[in-house]
């Protein structure tokens, strides 16, 4: 999930939003893993913005 935020300027914002909504509804979501990847991809602020809205 975090990797999609690296290319947010090249991907339609609706696609990103739908991906995060689907992830948030999943029973297998792992917020810690998502934030680990967000750190690696340097998109923590963007990931936090989506998570604040969805969770």
PDB file of N, CA and C in Angstrom:
ATOM      1  N   UNK A   1       0.799  -1.195   0.000  1.00  0.00           N
ATOM      2  CA  UNK A   1       0.000   0.000   0.000  1.00  0.00           C
ATOM      3  C   UNK A   1       0.848   1.268   0.000  1.00  0.00           C
ATOM      4  N   UNK A   2       1.902   1.256   0.754  1.00  0.00           N
ATOM      5  CA  UNK A   2       2.713   2.466   0.847  1.00  0.00           C
ATOM      6  C   UNK A   2       3.362   2.821  -0.485  1.00  0.00           C
ATOM      7  N   UNK A   3       3.718   1.801  -1.255  1.00  0.00           N
ATOM      8  CA  UNK A   3       4.412   2.070  -2.510  1.00  0.00           C
ATOM      9  C   UNK A   3       3.559   2.833  -3.509  1.00  0.00           C
ATOM     10  N   UNK A   4       2.246   2.709  -3.398  1.00  0.00           N
ATOM     11  CA  UNK A   4       1.366   3.429  -4.324  1.00  0.00           C
ATOM     12  C   UNK A   4       1.462   4.939  -4.098  1.00  0.00           C
ATOM     13  N   UNK A   5       1.816   5.368  -2.897  1.00  0.00           N
ATOM     14  CA  UNK A   5       1.912   6.796  -2.604  1.00  0.00           C
ATOM     15  C   UNK A   5       3.150   7.445  -3.210  1.00  0.00           C
ATOM     16  N   UNK A   6       4.143   6.648  -3.531  1.00  0.00           N
ATOM     17  CA  UNK A   6       5.345   7.201  -4.162  1.00  0.00           C
ATOM     18  C   UNK A   6       5.027   7.753  -5.536  1.00  0.00           C
ATOM     19  N   UNK A   7       4.050   7.180  -6.184  1.00  0.00           N
ATOM     20  CA  UNK A   7       3.726   7.580  -7.555  1.00  0.00           C
ATOM     21  C   UNK A   7       2.375   8.268  -7.620  1.00  0.00           C
ATOM     22  N   UNK A   8       1.970   8.889  -6.517  1.00  0.00           N
ATOM     23  CA  UNK A   8       0.634   9.482  -6.457  1.00  0.00           C
ATOM     24  C   UNK A   8       0.422  10.540  -7.542  1.00  0.00           C
ATOM     25  N   UNK A   9       1.471  11.186  -7.980  1.00  0.00           N
ATOM     26  CA  UNK A   9       1.318  12.183  -9.039  1.00  0.00           C
ATOM     27  C   UNK A   9       1.093  11.545 -10.409  1.00  0.00           C
ATOM     28  N   UNK A  10       1.441  10.272 -10.538  1.00  0.00           N
ATOM     29  CA  UNK A  10       1.271   9.577 -11.801  1.00  0.00           C
ATOM     30  C   UNK A  10       0.023   8.695 -11.807  1.00  0.00           C
ATOM     31  N   UNK A  11      -0.603   8.531 -10.652  1.00  0.00           N
ATOM     32  CA  UNK A  11      -1.782   7.679 -10.525  1.00  0.00           C
ATOM     33  C   UNK A  11      -2.966   8.553 -10.128  1.00  0.00           C
ATOM     34  N   UNK A  12      -4.090   8.256 -10.692  1.00  0.00           N
ATOM     35  CA  UNK A  12      -5.317   8.983 -10.370  1.00  0.00           C
ATOM     36  C   UNK A  12      -5.596   8.894  -8.878  1.00  0.00           C
ATOM     37  N   UNK A  13      -5.908  10.016  -8.250  1.00  0.00           N
ATOM     38  CA  UNK A  13      -6.156  10.068  -6.810  1.00  0.00           C
ATOM     39  C   UNK A  13      -7.307   9.146  -6.405  1.00  0.00           C
ATOM     40  N   UNK A  14      -8.261   8.953  -7.290  1.00  0.00           N
ATOM     41  CA  UNK A  14      -9.375   8.048  -7.005  1.00  0.00           C
ATOM     42  C   UNK A  14      -8.889   6.600  -6.878  1.00  0.00           C
ATOM     43  N   UNK A  15      -7.917   6.227  -7.678  1.00  0.00           N
ATOM     44  CA  UNK A  15      -7.339   4.888  -7.601  1.00  0.00           C
ATOM     45  C   UNK A  15      -6.658   4.682  -6.256  1.00  0.00           C
ATOM     46  N   UNK A  16      -5.897   5.673  -5.820  1.00  0.00           N
ATOM     47  CA  UNK A  16      -5.216   5.600  -4.522  1.00  0.00           C
ATOM     48  C   UNK A  16      -6.243   5.513  -3.396  1.00  0.00           C
ATOM     49  N   UNK A  17      -7.266   6.341  -3.460  1.00  0.00           N
ATOM     50  CA  UNK A  17      -8.301   6.350  -2.429  1.00  0.00           C
ATOM     51  C   UNK A  17      -9.020   5.013  -2.366  1.00  0.00           C
ATOM     52  N   UNK A  18      -9.378   4.467  -3.507  1.00  0.00           N
ATOM     53  CA  UNK A  18     -10.056   3.166  -3.535  1.00  0.00           C
ATOM     54  C   UNK A  18      -9.161   2.056  -2.991  1.00  0.00           C
ATOM     55  N   UNK A  19      -7.880   2.115  -3.291  1.00  0.00           N
ATOM     56  CA  UNK A  19      -6.945   1.109  -2.785  1.00  0.00           C
ATOM     57  C   UNK A  19      -6.878   1.168  -1.260  1.00  0.00           C
ATOM     58  N   UNK A  20      -6.817   2.357  -0.705  1.00  0.00           N
ATOM     59  CA  UNK A  20      -6.765   2.487   0.752  1.00  0.00           C
ATOM     60  C   UNK A  20      -8.084   2.091   1.400  1.00  0.00           C
ATOM     61  N   UNK A  21      -9.192   2.405   0.777  1.00  0.00           N
ATOM     62  CA  UNK A  21     -10.493   1.994   1.325  1.00  0.00           C
ATOM     63  C   UNK A  21     -10.605   0.475   1.359  1.00  0.00           C
ATOM     64  N   UNK A  22     -10.172  -0.168   0.293  1.00  0.00           N
ATOM     65  CA  UNK A  22     -10.210  -1.626   0.232  1.00  0.00           C
ATOM     66  C   UNK A  22      -9.302  -2.214   1.304  1.00  0.00           C
ATOM     67  N   UNK A  23      -8.111  -1.661   1.450  1.00  0.00           N
ATOM     68  CA  UNK A  23      -7.179  -2.134   2.466  1.00  0.00           C
ATOM     69  C   UNK A  23      -7.770  -1.962   3.862  1.00  0.00           C
ATOM     70  N   UNK A  24      -8.396  -0.818   4.132  1.00  0.00           N
ATOM     71  CA  UNK A  24      -8.955  -0.542   5.458  1.00  0.00           C
ATOM     72  C   UNK A  24     -10.072  -1.522   5.822  1.00  0.00           C
ATOM     73  N   UNK A  25     -10.801  -2.008   4.838  1.00  0.00           N
ATOM     74  CA  UNK A  25     -11.888  -2.961   5.080  1.00  0.00           C
ATOM     75  C   UNK A  25     -11.382  -4.392   5.259  1.00  0.00           C
ATOM     76  N   UNK A  26     -10.152  -4.647   4.872  1.00  0.00           N
ATOM     77  CA  UNK A  26      -9.601  -5.995   4.910  1.00  0.00           C
ATOM     78  C   UNK A  26      -9.415  -6.491   6.346  1.00  0.00           C
ATOM     79  N   UNK A  27      -9.686  -7.772   6.552  1.00  0.00           N
ATOM     80  CA  UNK A  27      -9.453  -8.386   7.860  1.00  0.00           C
ATOM     81  C   UNK A  27      -7.970  -8.649   8.090  1.00  0.00           C
ATOM     82  N   UNK A  28      -7.193  -8.629   7.040  1.00  0.00           N
ATOM     83  CA  UNK A  28      -5.772  -8.946   7.136  1.00  0.00           C
ATOM     84  C   UNK A  28      -4.880  -7.707   7.128  1.00  0.00           C
ATOM     85  N   UNK A  29      -5.456  -6.524   7.316  1.00  0.00           N
ATOM     86  CA  UNK A  29      -4.631  -5.315   7.272  1.00  0.00           C
ATOM     87  C   UNK A  29      -3.675  -5.301   8.464  1.00  0.00           C
ATOM     88  N   UNK A  30      -2.486  -4.788   8.233  1.00  0.00           N
ATOM     89  CA  UNK A  30      -1.455  -4.710   9.256  1.00  0.00           C
ATOM     90  C   UNK A  30      -0.898  -3.291   9.233  1.00  0.00           C
ATOM     91  N   UNK A  31      -1.367  -2.479  10.155  1.00  0.00           N
ATOM     92  CA  UNK A  31      -0.982  -1.071  10.180  1.00  0.00           C
ATOM     93  C   UNK A  31       0.517  -0.927  10.433  1.00  0.00           C
ATOM     94  N   UNK A  32       1.066  -1.768  11.298  1.00  0.00           N
ATOM     95  CA  UNK A  32       2.506  -1.693  11.576  1.00  0.00           C
ATOM     96  C   UNK A  32       3.326  -1.982  10.321  1.00  0.00           C
ATOM     97  N   UNK A  33       2.935  -2.981   9.576  1.00  0.00           N
ATOM     98  CA  UNK A  33       3.649  -3.303   8.333  1.00  0.00           C
ATOM     99  C   UNK A  33       3.514  -2.158   7.333  1.00  0.00           C
ATOM    100  N   UNK A  34       2.322  -1.593   7.231  1.00  0.00           N
ATOM    101  CA  UNK A  34       2.114  -0.469   6.317  1.00  0.00           C
ATOM    102  C   UNK A  34       3.033   0.692   6.675  1.00  0.00           C
ATOM    103  N   UNK A  35       3.126   1.012   7.959  1.00  0.00           N
ATOM    104  CA  UNK A  35       3.961   2.137   8.373  1.00  0.00           C
ATOM    105  C   UNK A  35       5.451   1.827   8.195  1.00  0.00           C
ATOM    106  N   UNK A  36       5.838   0.566   8.351  1.00  0.00           N
ATOM    107  CA  UNK A  36       7.232   0.189   8.074  1.00  0.00           C
ATOM    108  C   UNK A  36       7.570   0.443   6.606  1.00  0.00           C
ATOM    109  N   UNK A  37       6.671   0.027   5.726  1.00  0.00           N
ATOM    110  CA  UNK A  37       6.888   0.273   4.294  1.00  0.00           C
ATOM    111  C   UNK A  37       6.837   1.769   3.984  1.00  0.00           C
ATOM    112  N   UNK A  38       5.942   2.495   4.634  1.00  0.00           N
ATOM    113  CA  UNK A  38       5.846   3.939   4.413  1.00  0.00           C
ATOM    114  C   UNK A  38       7.159   4.626   4.780  1.00  0.00           C
ATOM    115  N   UNK A  39       7.786   4.175   5.854  1.00  0.00           N
ATOM    116  CA  UNK A  39       9.086   4.728   6.239  1.00  0.00           C
ATOM    117  C   UNK A  39      10.131   4.428   5.169  1.00  0.00           C
ATOM    118  N   UNK A  40      10.152   3.194   4.687  1.00  0.00           N
ATOM    119  CA  UNK A  40      11.135   2.805   3.680  1.00  0.00           C
ATOM    120  C   UNK A  40      10.961   3.591   2.386  1.00  0.00           C
ATOM    121  N   UNK A  41       9.706   3.871   2.021  1.00  0.00           N
ATOM    122  CA  UNK A  41       9.414   4.603   0.786  1.00  0.00           C
ATOM    123  C   UNK A  41       9.343   6.112   0.997  1.00  0.00           C
ATOM    124  N   UNK A  42       9.551   6.538   2.255  1.00  0.00           N
ATOM    125  CA  UNK A  42       9.545   7.967   2.608  1.00  0.00           C
ATOM    126  C   UNK A  42       8.211   8.644   2.279  1.00  0.00           C
ATOM    127  N   UNK A  43       7.118   7.964   2.651  1.00  0.00           N
ATOM    128  CA  UNK A  43       5.780   8.517   2.421  1.00  0.00           C
ATOM    129  C   UNK A  43       4.936   8.439   3.692  1.00  0.00           C
ATOM    130  N   UNK A  44       5.582   8.553   4.850  1.00  0.00           N
ATOM    131  CA  UNK A  44       4.884   8.416   6.129  1.00  0.00           C
ATOM    132  C   UNK A  44       3.777   9.462   6.259  1.00  0.00           C
ATOM    133  N   UNK A  45       4.067  10.706   5.929  1.00  0.00           N
ATOM    134  CA  UNK A  45       3.060  11.760   6.062  1.00  0.00           C
ATOM    135  C   UNK A  45       1.836  11.488   5.186  1.00  0.00           C
ATOM    136  N   UNK A  46       2.069  11.059   3.966  1.00  0.00           N
ATOM    137  CA  UNK A  46       0.955  10.750   3.062  1.00  0.00           C
ATOM    138  C   UNK A  46       0.145   9.567   3.581  1.00  0.00           C
ATOM    139  N   UNK A  47       0.832   8.533   4.051  1.00  0.00           N
ATOM    140  CA  UNK A  47       0.136   7.354   4.579  1.00  0.00           C
ATOM    141  C   UNK A  47      -0.694   7.735   5.799  1.00  0.00           C
ATOM    142  N   UNK A  48      -0.120   8.542   6.676  1.00  0.00           N
ATOM    143  CA  UNK A  48      -0.857   8.989   7.859  1.00  0.00           C
ATOM    144  C   UNK A  48      -2.108   9.776   7.477  1.00  0.00           C
ATOM    145  N   UNK A  49      -2.010  10.582   6.445  1.00  0.00           N
ATOM    146  CA  UNK A  49      -3.169  11.366   6.007  1.00  0.00           C
ATOM    147  C   UNK A  49      -4.316  10.450   5.587  1.00  0.00           C
ATOM    148  N   UNK A  50      -4.010   9.425   4.824  1.00  0.00           N
ATOM    149  CA  UNK A  50      -5.050   8.489   4.397  1.00  0.00           C
ATOM    150  C   UNK A  50      -5.604   7.706   5.582  1.00  0.00           C
ATOM    151  N   UNK A  51      -4.727   7.274   6.474  1.00  0.00           N
ATOM    152  CA  UNK A  51      -5.174   6.481   7.615  1.00  0.00           C
ATOM    153  C   UNK A  51      -6.059   7.298   8.563  1.00  0.00           C
ATOM    154  N   UNK A  52      -5.740   8.560   8.764  1.00  0.00           N
ATOM    155  CA  UNK A  52      -6.554   9.401   9.639  1.00  0.00           C
ATOM    156  C   UNK A  52      -7.981   9.508   9.148  1.00  0.00           C
ATOM    157  N   UNK A  53      -8.160   9.547   7.866  1.00  0.00           N
ATOM    158  CA  UNK A  53      -9.487   9.671   7.280  1.00  0.00           C
ATOM    159  C   UNK A  53     -10.234   8.338   7.328  1.00  0.00           C
ATOM    160  N   UNK A  54      -9.530   7.249   7.076  1.00  0.00           N
ATOM    161  CA  UNK A  54     -10.194   5.956   6.918  1.00  0.00           C
ATOM    162  C   UNK A  54     -10.394   5.181   8.217  1.00  0.00           C
ATOM    163  N   UNK A  55      -9.541   5.407   9.203  1.00  0.00           N
ATOM    164  CA  UNK A  55      -9.654   4.603  10.428  1.00  0.00           C
ATOM    165  C   UNK A  55     -10.161   5.395  11.598  1.00  0.00           C
TER     166      UNK A  55
END
